[in-house]
Amino acid sequence: MAYSVILHISGDVPIFGEVEELPGPQDVLLTVSNPRSREGKDLHYIQTEVVQVIWPIDKINFIEVMPNEEDEQIIGFVRE
């Protein structure tokens, strides 16, 4: 199952993409598929035909994991 994530890279704009699995404490690299800006535009420093990029974990400040379709169907607390 792929996860949609937003990477916050040191000294750069946030990057939206997909990862096959979330990084563990032993990982030193993160492979991201379809890297793009939050607006869906190409990143100026990555060639347009590139489909995967590998970033070193030490360059990433933090990772936001976006909810998938299954998570969105969970009914939360509703006040009536």
PDB file of N, CA and C in Angstrom:
ATOM      1  N   MET A   1       0.837  -1.171   0.000  1.00  0.00           N
ATOM      2  CA  MET A   1       0.000   0.000   0.000  1.00  0.00           C
ATOM      3  C   MET A   1       0.885   1.239   0.000  1.00  0.00           C
ATOM      4  N   ALA A   2       0.655   2.115  -0.926  1.00  0.00           N
ATOM      5  CA  ALA A   2       1.435   3.344  -1.019  1.00  0.00           C
ATOM      6  C   ALA A   2       0.849   4.403  -0.092  1.00  0.00           C
ATOM      7  N   TYR A   3       1.732   5.208   0.484  1.00  0.00           N
ATOM      8  CA  TYR A   3       1.333   6.310   1.347  1.00  0.00           C
ATOM      9  C   TYR A   3       1.609   7.617   0.630  1.00  0.00           C
ATOM     10  N   SER A   4       0.668   8.540   0.674  1.00  0.00           N
ATOM     11  CA  SER A   4       0.905   9.888   0.168  1.00  0.00           C
ATOM     12  C   SER A   4       1.523  10.687   1.303  1.00  0.00           C
ATOM     13  N   VAL A   5       2.644  11.340   1.006  1.00  0.00           N
ATOM     14  CA  VAL A   5       3.366  12.064   2.041  1.00  0.00           C
ATOM     15  C   VAL A   5       3.768  13.455   1.554  1.00  0.00           C
ATOM     16  N   ILE A   6       4.018  14.328   2.516  1.00  0.00           N
ATOM     17  CA  ILE A   6       4.625  15.627   2.245  1.00  0.00           C
ATOM     18  C   ILE A   6       5.950  15.641   2.982  1.00  0.00           C
ATOM     19  N   LEU A   7       7.043  15.775   2.227  1.00  0.00           N
ATOM     20  CA  LEU A   7       8.381  15.827   2.817  1.00  0.00           C
ATOM     21  C   LEU A   7       8.766  17.280   3.049  1.00  0.00           C
ATOM     22  N   HIS A   8       9.270  17.554   4.213  1.00  0.00           N
ATOM     23  CA  HIS A   8       9.781  18.881   4.520  1.00  0.00           C
ATOM     24  C   HIS A   8      11.308  18.771   4.537  1.00  0.00           C
ATOM     25  N   ILE A   9      11.907  19.175   3.419  1.00  0.00           N
ATOM     26  CA  ILE A   9      13.346  19.083   3.210  1.00  0.00           C
ATOM     27  C   ILE A   9      14.017  20.325   3.788  1.00  0.00           C
ATOM     28  N   SER A  10      15.173  20.155   4.422  1.00  0.00           N
ATOM     29  CA  SER A  10      15.923  21.284   4.982  1.00  0.00           C
ATOM     30  C   SER A  10      16.236  22.308   3.905  1.00  0.00           C
ATOM     31  N   GLY A  11      15.800  23.557   4.111  1.00  0.00           N
ATOM     32  CA  GLY A  11      16.125  24.642   3.201  1.00  0.00           C
ATOM     33  C   GLY A  11      15.430  24.603   1.869  1.00  0.00           C
ATOM     34  N   ASP A  12      14.300  23.881   1.753  1.00  0.00           N
ATOM     35  CA  ASP A  12      13.607  23.771   0.471  1.00  0.00           C
ATOM     36  C   ASP A  12      12.099  23.792   0.713  1.00  0.00           C
ATOM     37  N   VAL A  13      11.343  23.901  -0.358  1.00  0.00           N
ATOM     38  CA  VAL A  13       9.884  23.881  -0.262  1.00  0.00           C
ATOM     39  C   VAL A  13       9.413  22.454   0.014  1.00  0.00           C
ATOM     40  N   PRO A  14       8.242  22.282   0.631  1.00  0.00           N
ATOM     41  CA  PRO A  14       7.710  20.928   0.860  1.00  0.00           C
ATOM     42  C   PRO A  14       7.471  20.197  -0.459  1.00  0.00           C
ATOM     43  N   ILE A  15       7.647  18.886  -0.429  1.00  0.00           N
ATOM     44  CA  ILE A  15       7.529  18.041  -1.618  1.00  0.00           C
ATOM     45  C   ILE A  15       6.465  16.987  -1.370  1.00  0.00           C
ATOM     46  N   PHE A  16       5.521  16.894  -2.290  1.00  0.00           N
ATOM     47  CA  PHE A  16       4.454  15.908  -2.216  1.00  0.00           C
ATOM     48  C   PHE A  16       4.851  14.695  -3.051  1.00  0.00           C
ATOM     49  N   GLY A  17       4.534  13.480  -2.579  1.00  0.00           N
ATOM     50  CA  GLY A  17       4.857  12.274  -3.327  1.00  0.00           C
ATOM     51  C   GLY A  17       4.277  11.044  -2.651  1.00  0.00           C
ATOM     52  N   GLU A  18       4.632   9.888  -3.163  1.00  0.00           N
ATOM     53  CA  GLU A  18       4.168   8.617  -2.608  1.00  0.00           C
ATOM     54  C   GLU A  18       5.367   7.753  -2.227  1.00  0.00           C
ATOM     55  N   VAL A  19       5.209   7.014  -1.133  1.00  0.00           N
ATOM     56  CA  VAL A  19       6.218   6.043  -0.708  1.00  0.00           C
ATOM     57  C   VAL A  19       5.521   4.701  -0.504  1.00  0.00           C
ATOM     58  N   GLU A  20       6.233   3.610  -0.795  1.00  0.00           N
ATOM     59  CA  GLU A  20       5.661   2.274  -0.633  1.00  0.00           C
ATOM     60  C   GLU A  20       5.506   1.900   0.834  1.00  0.00           C
ATOM     61  N   GLU A  21       6.479   2.296   1.650  1.00  0.00           N
ATOM     62  CA  GLU A  21       6.376   2.046   3.085  1.00  0.00           C
ATOM     63  C   GLU A  21       7.042   3.192   3.827  1.00  0.00           C
ATOM     64  N   LEU A  22       6.572   3.416   5.037  1.00  0.00           N
ATOM     65  CA  LEU A  22       7.117   4.507   5.841  1.00  0.00           C
ATOM     66  C   LEU A  22       8.501   4.123   6.359  1.00  0.00           C
ATOM     67  N   PRO A  23       9.395   5.097   6.490  1.00  0.00           N
ATOM     68  CA  PRO A  23      10.754   4.775   6.949  1.00  0.00           C
ATOM     69  C   PRO A  23      10.772   4.330   8.406  1.00  0.00           C
ATOM     70  N   GLY A  24      11.679   3.419   8.691  1.00  0.00           N
ATOM     71  CA  GLY A  24      11.878   2.938  10.049  1.00  0.00           C
ATOM     72  C   GLY A  24      13.094   3.605  10.668  1.00  0.00           C
ATOM     73  N   PRO A  25      13.380   3.317  11.923  1.00  0.00           N
ATOM     74  CA  PRO A  25      14.520   3.946  12.602  1.00  0.00           C
ATOM     75  C   PRO A  25      15.873   3.555  12.016  1.00  0.00           C
ATOM     76  N   GLN A  26      15.964   2.434  11.312  1.00  0.00           N
ATOM     77  CA  GLN A  26      17.229   1.976  10.741  1.00  0.00           C
ATOM     78  C   GLN A  26      17.466   2.520   9.332  1.00  0.00           C
ATOM     79  N   ASP A  27      16.462   3.132   8.702  1.00  0.00           N
ATOM     80  CA  ASP A  27      16.572   3.601   7.322  1.00  0.00           C
ATOM     81  C   ASP A  27      17.425   4.870   7.229  1.00  0.00           C
ATOM     82  N   VAL A  28      18.197   4.956   6.147  1.00  0.00           N
ATOM     83  CA  VAL A  28      19.013   6.143   5.890  1.00  0.00           C
ATOM     84  C   VAL A  28      18.610   6.834   4.587  1.00  0.00           C
ATOM     85  N   LEU A  29      17.784   6.162   3.777  1.00  0.00           N
ATOM     86  CA  LEU A  29      17.308   6.717   2.512  1.00  0.00           C
ATOM     87  C   LEU A  29      15.795   6.556   2.422  1.00  0.00           C
ATOM     88  N   LEU A  30      15.158   7.456   1.663  1.00  0.00           N
ATOM     89  CA  LEU A  30      13.724   7.381   1.428  1.00  0.00           C
ATOM     90  C   LEU A  30      13.481   7.525  -0.071  1.00  0.00           C
ATOM     91  N   THR A  31      12.820   6.537  -0.678  1.00  0.00           N
ATOM     92  CA  THR A  31      12.504   6.569  -2.102  1.00  0.00           C
ATOM     93  C   THR A  31      11.092   7.110  -2.275  1.00  0.00           C
ATOM     94  N   VAL A  32      10.979   8.198  -3.028  1.00  0.00           N
ATOM     95  CA  VAL A  32       9.698   8.873  -3.246  1.00  0.00           C
ATOM     96  C   VAL A  32       9.327   8.766  -4.723  1.00  0.00           C
ATOM     97  N   SER A  33       8.102   8.326  -4.987  1.00  0.00           N
ATOM     98  CA  SER A  33       7.592   8.247  -6.358  1.00  0.00           C
ATOM     99  C   SER A  33       6.792   9.504  -6.678  1.00  0.00           C
ATOM    100  N   ASN A  34       6.852   9.924  -7.924  1.00  0.00           N
ATOM    101  CA  ASN A  34       6.108  11.079  -8.425  1.00  0.00           C
ATOM    102  C   ASN A  34       6.312  12.340  -7.590  1.00  0.00           C
ATOM    103  N   PRO A  35       7.554  12.761  -7.356  1.00  0.00           N
ATOM    104  CA  PRO A  35       7.771  13.978  -6.560  1.00  0.00           C
ATOM    105  C   PRO A  35       7.271  15.209  -7.302  1.00  0.00           C
ATOM    106  N   ARG A  36       6.593  16.093  -6.551  1.00  0.00           N
ATOM    107  CA  ARG A  36       6.046  17.320  -7.128  1.00  0.00           C
ATOM    108  C   ARG A  36       5.805  18.322  -6.005  1.00  0.00           C
ATOM    109  N   SER A  37       5.479  19.539  -6.377  1.00  0.00           N
ATOM    110  CA  SER A  37       5.160  20.540  -5.361  1.00  0.00           C
ATOM    111  C   SER A  37       3.757  20.265  -4.827  1.00  0.00           C
ATOM    112  N   ARG A  38       3.369  20.948  -3.779  1.00  0.00           N
ATOM    113  CA  ARG A  38       2.027  20.767  -3.218  1.00  0.00           C
ATOM    114  C   ARG A  38       0.936  21.083  -4.234  1.00  0.00           C
ATOM    115  N   GLU A  39       1.235  21.999  -5.137  1.00  0.00           N
ATOM    116  CA  GLU A  39       0.268  22.405  -6.160  1.00  0.00           C
ATOM    117  C   GLU A  39       0.221  21.419  -7.329  1.00  0.00           C
ATOM    118  N   GLY A  40       1.071  20.398  -7.303  1.00  0.00           N
ATOM    119  CA  GLY A  40       1.108  19.411  -8.369  1.00  0.00           C
ATOM    120  C   GLY A  40       2.040  19.767  -9.510  1.00  0.00           C
ATOM    121  N   LYS A  41       2.789  20.851  -9.364  1.00  0.00           N
ATOM    122  CA  LYS A  41       3.707  21.278 -10.422  1.00  0.00           C
ATOM    123  C   LYS A  41       5.034  20.532 -10.310  1.00  0.00           C
ATOM    124  N   ASP A  42       5.768  20.483 -11.425  1.00  0.00           N
ATOM    125  CA  ASP A  42       7.095  19.869 -11.432  1.00  0.00           C
ATOM    126  C   ASP A  42       8.053  20.686 -10.572  1.00  0.00           C
ATOM    127  N   LEU A  43       9.014  19.998  -9.981  1.00  0.00           N
ATOM    128  CA  LEU A  43      10.061  20.669  -9.215  1.00  0.00           C
ATOM    129  C   LEU A  43      11.148  21.124 -10.178  1.00  0.00           C
ATOM    130  N   HIS A  44      11.611  22.367 -10.033  1.00  0.00           N
ATOM    131  CA  HIS A  44      12.541  22.945 -11.010  1.00  0.00           C
ATOM    132  C   HIS A  44      13.893  22.237 -11.047  1.00  0.00           C
ATOM    133  N   TYR A  45      14.279  21.538 -10.001  1.00  0.00           N
ATOM    134  CA  TYR A  45      15.584  20.891  -9.948  1.00  0.00           C
ATOM    135  C   TYR A  45      15.537  19.399 -10.270  1.00  0.00           C
ATOM    136  N   ILE A  46      14.353  18.890 -10.662  1.00  0.00           N
ATOM    137  CA  ILE A  46      14.212  17.486 -11.053  1.00  0.00           C
ATOM    138  C   ILE A  46      13.718  17.438 -12.494  1.00  0.00           C
ATOM    139  N   GLN A  47      14.333  16.605 -13.313  1.00  0.00           N
ATOM    140  CA  GLN A  47      13.930  16.457 -14.709  1.00  0.00           C
ATOM    141  C   GLN A  47      12.467  15.994 -14.799  1.00  0.00           C
ATOM    142  N   THR A  48      11.780  16.420 -15.850  1.00  0.00           N
ATOM    143  CA  THR A  48      10.347  16.118 -15.972  1.00  0.00           C
ATOM    144  C   THR A  48      10.048  14.634 -16.144  1.00  0.00           C
ATOM    145  N   GLU A  49      10.971  13.863 -16.695  1.00  0.00           N
ATOM    146  CA  GLU A  49      10.706  12.432 -16.913  1.00  0.00           C
ATOM    147  C   GLU A  49      11.053  11.544 -15.712  1.00  0.00           C
ATOM    148  N   VAL A  50      11.556  12.113 -14.636  1.00  0.00           N
ATOM    149  CA  VAL A  50      11.923  11.347 -13.438  1.00  0.00           C
ATOM    150  C   VAL A  50      10.655  10.907 -12.703  1.00  0.00           C
ATOM    151  N   VAL A  51      10.604   9.631 -12.300  1.00  0.00           N
ATOM    152  CA  VAL A  51       9.439   9.110 -11.590  1.00  0.00           C
ATOM    153  C   VAL A  51       9.741   8.740 -10.137  1.00  0.00           C
ATOM    154  N   GLN A  52      11.023   8.563  -9.790  1.00  0.00           N
ATOM    155  CA  GLN A  52      11.401   8.273  -8.407  1.00  0.00           C
ATOM    156  C   GLN A  52      12.664   9.041  -8.047  1.00  0.00           C
ATOM    157  N   VAL A  53      12.704   9.502  -6.796  1.00  0.00           N
ATOM    158  CA  VAL A  53      13.876  10.197  -6.273  1.00  0.00           C
ATOM    159  C   VAL A  53      14.211   9.582  -4.918  1.00  0.00           C
ATOM    160  N   ILE A  54      15.500   9.455  -4.637  1.00  0.00           N
ATOM    161  CA  ILE A  54      15.957   8.909  -3.360  1.00  0.00           C
ATOM    162  C   ILE A  54      16.585  10.037  -2.557  1.00  0.00           C
ATOM    163  N   TRP A  55      16.018  10.323  -1.363  1.00  0.00           N
ATOM    164  CA  TRP A  55      16.537  11.373  -0.496  1.00  0.00           C
ATOM    165  C   TRP A  55      17.161  10.742   0.744  1.00  0.00           C
ATOM    166  N   PRO A  56      18.272  11.307   1.208  1.00  0.00           N
ATOM    167  CA  PRO A  56      18.823  10.855   2.490  1.00  0.00           C
ATOM    168  C   PRO A  56      17.937  11.357   3.627  1.00  0.00           C
ATOM    169  N   ILE A  57      17.670  10.504   4.581  1.00  0.00           N
ATOM    170  CA  ILE A  57      16.801  10.838   5.707  1.00  0.00           C
ATOM    171  C   ILE A  57      17.318  12.049   6.477  1.00  0.00           C
ATOM    172  N   ASP A  58      18.643  12.217   6.574  1.00  0.00           N
ATOM    173  CA  ASP A  58      19.182  13.327   7.365  1.00  0.00           C
ATOM    174  C   ASP A  58      18.897  14.703   6.747  1.00  0.00           C
ATOM    175  N   LYS A  59      18.427  14.764   5.502  1.00  0.00           N
ATOM    176  CA  LYS A  59      18.040  16.032   4.868  1.00  0.00           C
ATOM    177  C   LYS A  59      16.569  16.362   5.094  1.00  0.00           C
ATOM    178  N   ILE A  60      15.810  15.414   5.654  1.00  0.00           N
ATOM    179  CA  ILE A  60      14.369  15.589   5.852  1.00  0.00           C
ATOM    180  C   ILE A  60      14.108  16.028   7.294  1.00  0.00           C
ATOM    181  N   ASN A  61      13.426  17.185   7.450  1.00  0.00           N
ATOM    182  CA  ASN A  61      13.068  17.660   8.791  1.00  0.00           C
ATOM    183  C   ASN A  61      11.953  16.816   9.392  1.00  0.00           C
ATOM    184  N   PHE A  62      10.873  16.645   8.634  1.00  0.00           N
ATOM    185  CA  PHE A  62       9.788  15.776   9.069  1.00  0.00           C
ATOM    186  C   PHE A  62       8.943  15.380   7.877  1.00  0.00           C
ATOM    187  N   ILE A  63       8.088  14.356   8.088  1.00  0.00           N
ATOM    188  CA  ILE A  63       7.250  13.803   7.027  1.00  0.00           C
ATOM    189  C   ILE A  63       5.804  13.844   7.496  1.00  0.00           C
ATOM    190  N   GLU A  64       4.928  14.412   6.666  1.00  0.00           N
ATOM    191  CA  GLU A  64       3.490  14.388   6.940  1.00  0.00           C
ATOM    192  C   GLU A  64       2.890  13.245   6.135  1.00  0.00           C
ATOM    193  N   VAL A  65       2.120  12.390   6.784  1.00  0.00           N
ATOM    194  CA  VAL A  65       1.458  11.276   6.107  1.00  0.00           C
ATOM    195  C   VAL A  65       0.000  11.684   5.902  1.00  0.00           C
ATOM    196  N   MET A  66      -0.416  11.725   4.643  1.00  0.00           N
ATOM    197  CA  MET A  66      -1.773  12.142   4.296  1.00  0.00           C
ATOM    198  C   MET A  66      -2.729  10.965   4.436  1.00  0.00           C
ATOM    199  N   PRO A  67      -3.999  11.232   4.807  1.00  0.00           N
ATOM    200  CA  PRO A  67      -4.964  10.130   4.924  1.00  0.00           C
ATOM    201  C   PRO A  67      -5.268   9.531   3.556  1.00  0.00           C
ATOM    202  N   ASN A  68      -5.485   8.217   3.538  1.00  0.00           N
ATOM    203  CA  ASN A  68      -5.864   7.563   2.284  1.00  0.00           C
ATOM    204  C   ASN A  68      -7.380   7.426   2.231  1.00  0.00           C
ATOM    205  N   GLU A  69      -7.907   6.834   1.177  1.00  0.00           N
ATOM    206  CA  GLU A  69      -9.353   6.717   1.005  1.00  0.00           C
ATOM    207  C   GLU A  69     -10.012   5.927   2.130  1.00  0.00           C
ATOM    208  N   GLU A  70      -9.339   4.885   2.624  1.00  0.00           N
ATOM    209  CA  GLU A  70      -9.902   4.082   3.704  1.00  0.00           C
ATOM    210  C   GLU A  70     -10.036   4.909   4.974  1.00  0.00           C
ATOM    211  N   ASP A  71      -9.036   5.740   5.277  1.00  0.00           N
ATOM    212  CA  ASP A  71      -9.077   6.570   6.468  1.00  0.00           C
ATOM    213  C   ASP A  71     -10.180   7.618   6.389  1.00  0.00           C
ATOM    214  N   GLU A  72     -10.443   8.136   5.192  1.00  0.00           N
ATOM    215  CA  GLU A  72     -11.464   9.163   5.037  1.00  0.00           C
ATOM    216  C   GLU A  72     -12.870   8.619   5.230  1.00  0.00           C
ATOM    217  N   GLN A  73     -13.067   7.312   5.078  1.00  0.00           N
ATOM    218  CA  GLN A  73     -14.391   6.731   5.229  1.00  0.00           C
ATOM    219  C   GLN A  73     -14.724   6.418   6.683  1.00  0.00           C
ATOM    220  N   ILE A  74     -13.762   6.532   7.579  1.00  0.00           N
ATOM    221  CA  ILE A  74     -14.008   6.302   9.002  1.00  0.00           C
ATOM    222  C   ILE A  74     -14.830   7.464   9.541  1.00  0.00           C
ATOM    223  N   ILE A  75     -15.929   7.138  10.203  1.00  0.00           N
ATOM    224  CA  ILE A  75     -16.789   8.182  10.742  1.00  0.00           C
ATOM    225  C   ILE A  75     -16.280   8.563  12.119  1.00  0.00           C
ATOM    226  N   GLY A  76     -15.998   9.821  12.285  1.00  0.00           N
ATOM    227  CA  GLY A  76     -15.500  10.312  13.569  1.00  0.00           C
ATOM    228  C   GLY A  76     -16.643  10.829  14.425  1.00  0.00           C
ATOM    229  N   PHE A  77     -16.313  11.519  15.472  1.00  0.00           N
ATOM    230  CA  PHE A  77     -17.289  12.090  16.398  1.00  0.00           C
ATOM    231  C   PHE A  77     -18.103  13.156  15.669  1.00  0.00           C
ATOM    232  N   VAL A  78     -19.427  13.042  15.741  1.00  0.00           N
ATOM    233  CA  VAL A  78     -20.320  14.019  15.114  1.00  0.00           C
ATOM    234  C   VAL A  78     -21.226  14.571  16.189  1.00  0.00           C
ATOM    235  N   ARG A  79     -21.238  15.872  16.311  1.00  0.00           N
ATOM    236  CA  ARG A  79     -22.090  16.508  17.306  1.00  0.00           C
ATOM    237  C   ARG A  79     -23.417  16.881  16.659  1.00  0.00           C
ATOM    238  N   GLU A  80     -24.509  16.462  17.258  1.00  0.00           N
ATOM    239  CA  GLU A  80     -25.821  16.769  16.692  1.00  0.00           C
ATOM    240  C   GLU A  80     -26.546  17.771  17.529  1.00  0.00           C
TER     241      GLU A  80
END
